[in-house]
Amino acid sequence: MKILSRYFILRFLSYVGLATLAFFGLVLATRFHEVARFAALGAPLDQIALLLLLQFPYVFPFVLPVATLLASFLLMRQASEGFEIVTLRASGLSLF
């Protein structure tokens, strides 16, 4: 794998991870009433943490496509601001 490919893949995965955590937090904040109701019933802290952890597989299919789209936009914006795409085109590399 070329250095440039590794650079873009690592940058893309970091954006996907950051966006996934941000959207996961946002979705959990909208479902906070369920967690608050569960905590009001006197559940221990470890069970509340388990409830939040078990909601991850439910929320993940909704969050991942949006996070991937946002990460691709951020990667292209960052690459165009740093003139990396222009440099690739000037060096003879095709975009396709």
Foldseek 3Di string as FASTA:
>chain_A
DDPVVVVLVVQLVVQLVVQLVVVLVVVCVVVVVVLVVVVVVPDDPVVSVVVSVVCCVVCVVVRRVVSNVVSVVVSVVVCVVVCVVVVCVVVPHDPD
